[in-house]
C-alpha atoms as a PDB file:
ATOM      1  CA  MET A   1      25.231  17.247  15.841  1.00  0.00           C
ATOM      2  CA  ILE A   2      28.741  17.232  13.017  1.00  0.00           C
ATOM      3  CA  ASP A   3      31.501  15.183  15.035  1.00  0.00           C
ATOM      4  CA  PRO A   4      34.868  16.479  13.420  1.00  0.00           C
ATOM      5  CA  SER A   5      36.963  13.447  14.756  1.00  0.00           C
ATOM      6  CA  SER A   6      34.267  11.209  13.069  1.00  0.00           C
ATOM      7  CA  PRO A   7      36.094   9.241   9.817  1.00  0.00           C
ATOM      8  CA  LEU A   8      32.597   9.536   7.925  1.00  0.00           C
ATOM      9  CA  PRO A   9      32.871  13.080   5.823  1.00  0.00           C
ATOM     10  CA  LYS A  10      30.958  16.088   7.011  1.00  0.00           C
ATOM     11  CA  TYR A  11      28.427  16.097   4.079  1.00  0.00           C
ATOM     12  CA  LEU A  12      27.482  12.405   4.716  1.00  0.00           C
ATOM     13  CA  GLN A  13      27.249  13.188   8.679  1.00  0.00           C
ATOM     14  CA  LEU A  14      24.715  16.194   7.442  1.00  0.00           C
ATOM     15  CA  ARG A  15      22.737  14.106   4.972  1.00  0.00           C
ATOM     16  CA  ALA A  16      21.810  11.488   7.975  1.00  0.00           C
ATOM     17  CA  LEU A  17      21.196  14.445  10.349  1.00  0.00           C
ATOM     18  CA  LEU A  18      18.268  15.644   7.563  1.00  0.00           C
ATOM     19  CA  LEU A  19      16.831  11.978   6.706  1.00  0.00           C
ATOM     20  CA  ASP A  20      16.826  11.292  10.306  1.00  0.00           C
ATOM     21  CA  MET A  21      14.823  14.421  10.587  1.00  0.00           C
ATOM     22  CA  ILE A  22      12.327  13.463   7.130  1.00  0.00           C
ATOM     23  CA  GLU A  23      12.122  10.046   8.542  1.00  0.00           C
ATOM     24  CA  GLN A  24      11.438  11.027  11.778  1.00  0.00           C
ATOM     25  CA  ARG A  25       8.883  13.853  10.294  1.00  0.00           C
ATOM     26  CA  ARG A  26      10.340  17.053  12.410  1.00  0.00           C
ATOM     27  CA  LEU A  27      10.452  17.717   8.356  1.00  0.00           C
ATOM     28  CA  PRO A  28       6.982  16.507   7.089  1.00  0.00           C
ATOM     29  CA  VAL A  29       6.001  16.124   3.019  1.00  0.00           C
ATOM     30  CA  ASP A  30       6.217  18.896   1.433  1.00  0.00           C
ATOM     31  CA  ALA A  31       8.095  21.003   4.324  1.00  0.00           C
ATOM     32  CA  PRO A  32      10.425  23.737   3.346  1.00  0.00           C
ATOM     33  CA  VAL A  33      14.157  22.359   4.304  1.00  0.00           C
ATOM     34  CA  PRO A  34      16.354  25.028   6.252  1.00  0.00           C
ATOM     35  CA  SER A  35      18.500  27.031   3.265  1.00  0.00           C
ATOM     36  CA  GLU A  36      21.865  26.398   2.943  1.00  0.00           C
ATOM     37  CA  ARG A  37      22.897  29.475   5.137  1.00  0.00           C
ATOM     38  CA  GLU A  38      20.819  28.122   8.061  1.00  0.00           C
ATOM     39  CA  MET A  39      22.372  25.237   7.923  1.00  0.00           C
ATOM     40  CA  CYS A  40      25.925  26.357   7.805  1.00  0.00           C
ATOM     41  CA  LEU A  41      25.289  28.129  11.312  1.00  0.00           C
ATOM     42  CA  ARG A  42      23.278  25.481  12.694  1.00  0.00           C
ATOM     43  CA  PHE A  43      25.630  22.637  12.357  1.00  0.00           C
ATOM     44  CA  GLY A  44      29.217  24.725  11.805  1.00  0.00           C
ATOM     45  CA  VAL A  45      30.023  23.483   8.373  1.00  0.00           C
ATOM     46  CA  SER A  46      30.778  25.197   5.081  1.00  0.00           C
ATOM     47  CA  ARG A  47      28.270  25.797   2.408  1.00  0.00           C
ATOM     48  CA  MET A  48      30.186  23.134  -0.042  1.00  0.00           C
ATOM     49  CA  THR A  49      29.471  20.581   2.571  1.00  0.00           C
ATOM     50  CA  VAL A  50      25.466  21.664   2.429  1.00  0.00           C
ATOM     51  CA  ARG A  51      25.354  21.555  -0.932  1.00  0.00           C
ATOM     52  CA  LYS A  52      26.856  18.113  -1.414  1.00  0.00           C
ATOM     53  CA  ALA A  53      24.590  16.883   1.574  1.00  0.00           C
ATOM     54  CA  VAL A  54      21.514  18.326  -0.210  1.00  0.00           C
ATOM     55  CA  ASP A  55      22.230  16.975  -3.762  1.00  0.00           C
ATOM     56  CA  GLN A  56      22.571  13.490  -2.030  1.00  0.00           C
ATOM     57  CA  LEU A  57      19.354  13.788  -0.784  1.00  0.00           C
ATOM     58  CA  VAL A  58      17.889  15.100  -4.545  1.00  0.00           C
ATOM     59  CA  ALA A  59      19.829  12.159  -5.849  1.00  0.00           C
ATOM     60  CA  GLU A  60      17.823   9.789  -3.787  1.00  0.00           C
ATOM     61  CA  ASP A  61      14.655  11.631  -4.258  1.00  0.00           C
ATOM     62  CA  ARG A  62      14.255  12.441  -0.636  1.00  0.00           C
ATOM     63  CA  VAL A  63      14.821  16.380  -1.701  1.00  0.00           C
ATOM     64  CA  ARG A  64      13.651  18.358  -4.678  1.00  0.00           C
ATOM     65  CA  ARG A  65      14.862  22.046  -5.163  1.00  0.00           C
ATOM     66  CA  ILE A  66      12.611  24.759  -7.184  1.00  0.00           C
ATOM     67  CA  PRO A  67      14.125  27.563  -8.498  1.00  0.00           C
ATOM     68  CA  GLY A  68      13.119  30.914  -6.749  1.00  0.00           C
ATOM     69  CA  LYS A  69      11.551  29.178  -3.684  1.00  0.00           C
ATOM     70  CA  GLY A  70      14.060  26.882  -2.587  1.00  0.00           C
ATOM     71  CA  MET A  71      14.399  23.101  -1.285  1.00  0.00           C
ATOM     72  CA  PHE A  72      11.708  20.865  -0.316  1.00  0.00           C
ATOM     73  CA  VAL A  73      10.761  17.306   1.498  1.00  0.00           C
ATOM     74  CA  SER A  74       9.678  15.172  -1.538  1.00  0.00           C
ATOM     75  CA  ARG A  75       6.696  12.635  -1.285  1.00  0.00           C
ATOM     76  CA  PRO A  76       8.586   8.963  -1.259  1.00  0.00           C
ATOM     77  CA  LYS A  77       7.994   7.403  -4.770  1.00  0.00           C
ATOM     78  CA  VAL A  78       6.025   3.944  -4.535  1.00  0.00           C
ATOM     79  CA  GLN A  79       7.972   0.795  -5.900  1.00  0.00           C
ATOM     80  CA  MET A  80       6.324  -0.807  -8.799  1.00  0.00           C
ATOM     81  CA  PRO A  81       5.257  -4.260  -7.148  1.00  0.00           C
ATOM     82  CA  LYS A  82       6.609  -7.287  -8.563  1.00  0.00           C
ATOM     83  CA  GLU A  83       3.787  -9.507  -7.325  1.00  0.00           C
ATOM     84  CA  LEU A  84       0.620  -9.781  -8.986  1.00  0.00           C
ATOM     85  CA  VAL A  85      -1.633  -8.074  -7.259  1.00  0.00           C
ATOM     86  CA  SER A  86      -4.577  -5.500  -7.976  1.00  0.00           C
ATOM     87  CA  PHE A  87      -3.855  -1.692  -7.837  1.00  0.00           C
ATOM     88  CA  THR A  88      -6.519  -1.711  -4.406  1.00  0.00           C
ATOM     89  CA  GLU A  89      -4.607  -4.542  -2.729  1.00  0.00           C
ATOM     90  CA  ASP A  90      -0.964  -3.082  -3.486  1.00  0.00           C
ATOM     91  CA  MET A  91      -2.690   0.815  -1.650  1.00  0.00           C
ATOM     92  CA  LEU A  92      -3.946  -1.288   1.141  1.00  0.00           C
ATOM     93  CA  ALA A  93      -0.565  -3.022   1.747  1.00  0.00           C
ATOM     94  CA  ARG A  94       1.247  -0.070   1.736  1.00  0.00           C
ATOM     95  CA  GLY A  95      -1.327   1.533   4.127  1.00  0.00           C
ATOM     96  CA  MET A  96      -2.387   3.781   1.508  1.00  0.00           C
ATOM     97  CA  ARG A  97      -6.234   4.874   0.766  1.00  0.00           C
ATOM     98  CA  PRO A  98      -7.084   3.344  -2.341  1.00  0.00           C
ATOM     99  CA  ALA A  99      -9.895   4.981  -4.681  1.00  0.00           C
ATOM    100  CA  CYS A 100     -10.306   5.182  -8.101  1.00  0.00           C
ATOM    101  CA  VAL A 101     -12.886   7.390 -10.410  1.00  0.00           C
ATOM    102  CA  ASP A 102     -14.487   5.972 -13.660  1.00  0.00           C
ATOM    103  CA  LEU A 103     -13.831   7.662 -16.381  1.00  0.00           C
ATOM    104  CA  ASP A 104     -15.486   5.807 -19.542  1.00  0.00           C
ATOM    105  CA  SER A 105     -16.919   2.079 -19.903  1.00  0.00           C
ATOM    106  CA  ARG A 106     -18.155   0.834 -23.093  1.00  0.00           C
ATOM    107  CA  THR A 107     -17.926  -2.048 -25.252  1.00  0.00           C
ATOM    108  CA  VAL A 108     -16.324  -2.489 -28.552  1.00  0.00           C
ATOM    109  CA  THR A 109     -15.277  -4.526 -31.051  1.00  0.00           C
ATOM    110  CA  ALA A 110     -11.375  -5.886 -30.897  1.00  0.00           C
ATOM    111  CA  ASP A 111      -9.229  -4.847 -33.994  1.00  0.00           C
ATOM    112  CA  VAL A 112      -6.569  -6.941 -34.863  1.00  0.00           C
ATOM    113  CA  ARG A 113      -3.924  -5.284 -32.436  1.00  0.00           C
ATOM    114  CA  LEU A 114      -6.135  -5.626 -29.447  1.00  0.00           C
ATOM    115  CA  ALA A 115      -7.362  -9.428 -30.245  1.00  0.00           C
ATOM    116  CA  GLY A 116      -3.456  -9.795 -30.681  1.00  0.00           C
ATOM    117  CA  HIS A 117      -3.121  -8.779 -26.969  1.00  0.00           C
ATOM    118  CA  LEU A 118      -5.830 -10.660 -25.896  1.00  0.00           C
ATOM    119  CA  GLY A 119      -5.484 -14.277 -27.758  1.00  0.00           C
ATOM    120  CA  VAL A 120      -8.755 -13.819 -29.475  1.00  0.00           C
ATOM    121  CA  VAL A 121     -10.074 -13.320 -32.850  1.00  0.00           C
ATOM    122  CA  PRO A 122     -10.475  -9.935 -34.182  1.00  0.00           C
ATOM    123  CA  GLY A 123     -13.877  -8.685 -34.459  1.00  0.00           C
ATOM    124  CA  THR A 124     -14.448 -10.312 -30.461  1.00  0.00           C
ATOM    125  CA  ALA A 125     -16.548  -8.211 -28.460  1.00  0.00           C
ATOM    126  CA  VAL A 126     -14.596  -6.596 -25.654  1.00  0.00           C
ATOM    127  CA  HIS A 127     -15.489  -4.661 -22.850  1.00  0.00           C
ATOM    128  CA  VAL A 128     -13.059  -1.612 -22.135  1.00  0.00           C
ATOM    129  CA  LEU A 129     -12.985   0.378 -18.213  1.00  0.00           C
ATOM    130  CA  GLU A 130     -11.098   3.452 -18.374  1.00  0.00           C
ATOM    131  CA  ARG A 131     -10.646   4.807 -14.741  1.00  0.00           C
ATOM    132  CA  LEU A 132      -8.273   7.271 -12.884  1.00  0.00           C
ATOM    133  CA  ARG A 133      -6.746   5.736 -10.068  1.00  0.00           C
ATOM    134  CA  LEU A 134      -5.878   7.757  -6.723  1.00  0.00           C
ATOM    135  CA  ALA A 135      -3.686   6.711  -3.555  1.00  0.00           C
ATOM    136  CA  ASP A 136      -4.655   9.110  -0.276  1.00  0.00           C
ATOM    137  CA  GLY A 137      -6.446  11.207  -2.802  1.00  0.00           C
ATOM    138  CA  GLU A 138      -3.332  11.860  -5.011  1.00  0.00           C
ATOM    139  CA  PRO A 139      -3.864  11.187  -8.891  1.00  0.00           C
ATOM    140  CA  MET A 140      -1.594   7.895  -9.641  1.00  0.00           C
ATOM    141  CA  ALA A 141      -2.323   6.557 -12.700  1.00  0.00           C
ATOM    142  CA  VAL A 142      -5.149   6.223 -15.698  1.00  0.00           C
ATOM    143  CA  GLU A 143      -5.704   2.988 -16.709  1.00  0.00           C
ATOM    144  CA  ARG A 144      -7.337   1.397 -19.656  1.00  0.00           C
ATOM    145  CA  SER A 145      -8.581  -2.227 -19.083  1.00  0.00           C
ATOM    146  CA  HIS A 146     -10.039  -4.629 -21.698  1.00  0.00           C
ATOM    147  CA  ILE A 147     -11.667  -7.677 -20.747  1.00  0.00           C
ATOM    148  CA  PRO A 148     -13.375 -10.247 -23.346  1.00  0.00           C
ATOM    149  CA  ALA A 149     -17.103  -9.967 -22.999  1.00  0.00           C
ATOM    150  CA  THR A 150     -17.446 -13.690 -22.964  1.00  0.00           C
ATOM    151  CA  LEU A 151     -15.652 -13.907 -20.238  1.00  0.00           C
ATOM    152  CA  ALA A 152     -17.882 -11.681 -17.909  1.00  0.00           C
ATOM    153  CA  PRO A 153     -21.203 -10.810 -19.161  1.00  0.00           C
ATOM    154  CA  ASP A 154     -22.862  -7.765 -18.149  1.00  0.00           C
ATOM    155  CA  LEU A 155     -19.420  -6.841 -16.581  1.00  0.00           C
ATOM    156  CA  PHE A 156     -20.544  -2.890 -16.250  1.00  0.00           C
ATOM    157  CA  GLU A 157     -24.327  -3.737 -14.500  1.00  0.00           C
ATOM    158  CA  ARG A 158     -22.431  -6.202 -12.455  1.00  0.00           C
ATOM    159  CA  ARG A 159     -19.743  -4.366 -11.070  1.00  0.00           C
ATOM    160  CA  ALA A 160     -20.087  -1.429  -8.800  1.00  0.00           C
ATOM    161  CA  PRO A 161     -19.064   2.055  -9.794  1.00  0.00           C
ATOM    162  CA  GLU A 162     -15.440   3.058  -8.952  1.00  0.00           C
ATOM    163  CA  SER A 163     -14.780  -0.120  -7.641  1.00  0.00           C
ATOM    164  CA  SER A 164     -11.946  -3.306  -8.041  1.00  0.00           C
ATOM    165  CA  LEU A 165     -12.176  -4.620 -11.535  1.00  0.00           C
ATOM    166  CA  PHE A 166     -10.339  -7.930  -9.944  1.00  0.00           C
ATOM    167  CA  ALA A 167     -12.784  -8.214  -6.729  1.00  0.00           C
ATOM    168  CA  ALA A 168     -15.652  -7.965  -9.085  1.00  0.00           C
ATOM    169  CA  LEU A 169     -14.394 -10.723 -12.068  1.00  0.00           C
ATOM    170  CA  GLU A 170     -13.365 -12.915  -9.068  1.00  0.00           C
ATOM    171  CA  ARG A 171     -17.060 -12.635  -7.110  1.00  0.00           C
ATOM    172  CA  GLU A 172     -19.217 -12.432  -9.959  1.00  0.00           C
ATOM    173  CA  TYR A 173     -17.507 -14.737 -12.043  1.00  0.00           C
ATOM    174  CA  GLY A 174     -15.110 -16.642 -10.648  1.00  0.00           C
ATOM    175  CA  ILE A 175     -12.227 -15.131 -12.500  1.00  0.00           C
ATOM    176  CA  VAL A 176      -8.799 -15.657 -10.284  1.00  0.00           C
ATOM    177  CA  MET A 177      -6.392 -13.777 -11.924  1.00  0.00           C
ATOM    178  CA  ASP A 178      -2.981 -16.185 -11.312  1.00  0.00           C
ATOM    179  CA  ALA A 179      -0.261 -15.079 -13.871  1.00  0.00           C
ATOM    180  CA  GLY A 180       1.016 -12.244 -15.914  1.00  0.00           C
ATOM    181  CA  GLU A 181       3.047 -10.207 -18.028  1.00  0.00           C
ATOM    182  CA  GLN A 182       4.142  -6.193 -18.014  1.00  0.00           C
ATOM    183  CA  THR A 183       5.464  -3.910 -20.361  1.00  0.00           C
ATOM    184  CA  ILE A 184       7.223  -0.552 -18.933  1.00  0.00           C
ATOM    185  CA  GLU A 185       8.408   2.377 -20.701  1.00  0.00           C
ATOM    186  CA  ALA A 186       8.851   5.537 -20.154  1.00  0.00           C
ATOM    187  CA  GLY A 187       8.167   8.516 -22.124  1.00  0.00           C
ATOM    188  CA  PRO A 188       6.224  12.313 -22.174  1.00  0.00           C
ATOM    189  CA  ALA A 189       2.698  12.790 -20.840  1.00  0.00           C
ATOM    190  CA  ASP A 190      -0.085  13.747 -23.278  1.00  0.00           C
ATOM    191  CA  ALA A 191      -1.842  17.211 -22.613  1.00  0.00           C
ATOM    192  CA  GLU A 192      -5.169  14.935 -21.591  1.00  0.00           C
ATOM    193  CA  ARG A 193      -3.238  12.703 -19.567  1.00  0.00           C
ATOM    194  CA  ALA A 194      -1.207  14.682 -17.652  1.00  0.00           C
ATOM    195  CA  GLU A 195      -4.228  16.881 -16.834  1.00  0.00           C
ATOM    196  CA  LEU A 196      -5.796  13.672 -15.040  1.00  0.00           C
ATOM    197  CA  LEU A 197      -2.497  12.833 -13.401  1.00  0.00           C
ATOM    198  CA  GLY A 198      -2.111  16.536 -12.112  1.00  0.00           C
ATOM    199  CA  ILE A 199       1.129  17.076 -13.784  1.00  0.00           C
ATOM    200  CA  GLU A 200       2.517  19.249 -16.580  1.00  0.00           C
ATOM    201  CA  PRO A 201       1.866  18.360 -20.216  1.00  0.00           C
ATOM    202  CA  GLY A 202       5.310  16.524 -21.428  1.00  0.00           C
ATOM    203  CA  GLY A 203       6.197  15.223 -17.600  1.00  0.00           C
ATOM    204  CA  THR A 204       8.060  12.104 -17.407  1.00  0.00           C
ATOM    205  CA  VAL A 205       5.599   9.326 -16.884  1.00  0.00           C
ATOM    206  CA  PHE A 206       5.688   5.135 -17.098  1.00  0.00           C
ATOM    207  CA  PHE A 207       3.315   3.393 -19.960  1.00  0.00           C
ATOM    208  CA  LEU A 208       2.608   0.133 -18.553  1.00  0.00           C
ATOM    209  CA  ARG A 209       1.057  -2.524 -20.588  1.00  0.00           C
ATOM    210  CA  GLN A 210      -0.302  -5.612 -18.229  1.00  0.00           C
ATOM    211  CA  ARG A 211      -1.303  -9.002 -19.597  1.00  0.00           C
ATOM    212  CA  THR A 212      -3.108 -11.137 -16.615  1.00  0.00           C
ATOM    213  CA  PHE A 213      -3.846 -14.120 -17.009  1.00  0.00           C
ATOM    214  CA  SER A 214      -6.536 -16.580 -15.686  1.00  0.00           C
ATOM    215  CA  ARG A 215      -6.017 -20.552 -15.539  1.00  0.00           C
ATOM    216  CA  GLY A 216      -4.299 -20.027 -19.011  1.00  0.00           C
ATOM    217  CA  ILE A 217      -6.633 -17.361 -20.317  1.00  0.00           C
ATOM    218  CA  CYS A 218      -5.720 -14.360 -20.934  1.00  0.00           C
ATOM    219  CA  ALA A 219      -8.702 -12.282 -19.019  1.00  0.00           C
ATOM    220  CA  GLU A 220      -7.539  -8.777 -19.087  1.00  0.00           C
ATOM    221  CA  VAL A 221      -5.277  -6.264 -20.895  1.00  0.00           C
ATOM    222  CA  ALA A 222      -4.271  -3.028 -19.236  1.00  0.00           C
ATOM    223  CA  PHE A 223      -2.864   0.374 -20.409  1.00  0.00           C
ATOM    224  CA  ALA A 224      -1.857   2.412 -17.879  1.00  0.00           C
ATOM    225  CA  THR A 225       0.209   5.404 -17.696  1.00  0.00           C
ATOM    226  CA  TYR A 226       1.578   6.291 -14.435  1.00  0.00           C
ATOM    227  CA  ARG A 227       3.281   9.151 -12.643  1.00  0.00           C
ATOM    228  CA  ALA A 228       7.055   8.981 -12.449  1.00  0.00           C
ATOM    229  CA  ASP A 229       7.498  11.093  -9.829  1.00  0.00           C
ATOM    230  CA  ARG A 230       5.411   8.856  -7.908  1.00  0.00           C
ATOM    231  CA  TYR A 231       6.909   5.337  -8.785  1.00  0.00           C
ATOM    232  CA  ARG A 232       9.651   3.908  -9.141  1.00  0.00           C
ATOM    233  CA  ILE A 233      11.151   0.637 -10.453  1.00  0.00           C
ATOM    234  CA  HIS A 234      13.106  -1.804  -8.270  1.00  0.00           C
ATOM    235  CA  LEU A 235      14.744  -4.827 -10.403  1.00  0.00           C
ATOM    236  CA  GLY A 236      16.680  -8.058  -8.191  1.00  0.00           C
ATOM    237  CA  LEU A 237      19.954  -9.309 -10.067  1.00  0.00           C
ATOM    238  CA  GLU A 238      21.572 -11.984 -10.518  1.00  0.00           C
ATOM    239  CA  THR A 239      24.921 -13.213 -11.955  1.00  0.00           C
ATOM    240  CA  GLN A 240      24.751 -15.553 -14.462  1.00  0.00           C
ATOM    241  CA  ARG A 241      27.716 -18.124 -13.856  1.00  0.00           C
ATOM    242  CA  HIS A 242      28.795 -20.689 -16.403  1.00  0.00           C
ATOM    243  CA  THR A 243      30.608 -23.624 -14.410  1.00  0.00           C
ATOM    244  CA  GLU A 244      33.223 -25.547 -16.784  1.00  0.00           C
ATOM    245  CA  GLN A 245      32.404 -29.291 -17.510  1.00  0.00           C
END
């Protein structure tokens, strides 16, 4: 309960109580949060205190407000990995069930832009694999991968449908991804991607471009659209100190 004698402000005490209920799953994901009136009566605090506590949780993405309906427990966001791992490995490490749906697979000739990303000459044959990535049955991202055909001949015949691409490349061709680079930007989802991801058209997404290398050779270029409401980006920061000589 709220301790009036505590030096901690009442709204922060209430935030901690609500957060404990969420983390202990007494308020599970998507469950309605008690109304302001209920919390005022239950905890003996003012509406202003309740609003400040809930505002904190909304800012932390632990609670969401839906106009006309109330407040609900948010799904926790997945942090973008800082290590080079496949989507499958990442989700398994988080205790989630990964899956994918193959949307398209074809072999094309690289235009100037794609050839530049892959480090090949224009006109090179490139395998294109587009997939919908899911975690615990929920759409998380739409991903389009490009692999030089010379590195993985007959890829679509040798990779099992809706299976891990990185695992197939390693198993069938001995291609082990050992380095990579990413560029991430935020923007609105188009109608096609929004429908696949189960969000509203124009909703915010992360656009990711990733180049992945094996022994210094670019083995894959991927363009992906990730749901911004299910992902967050965390960066470690260091100060750059200059020592006077």
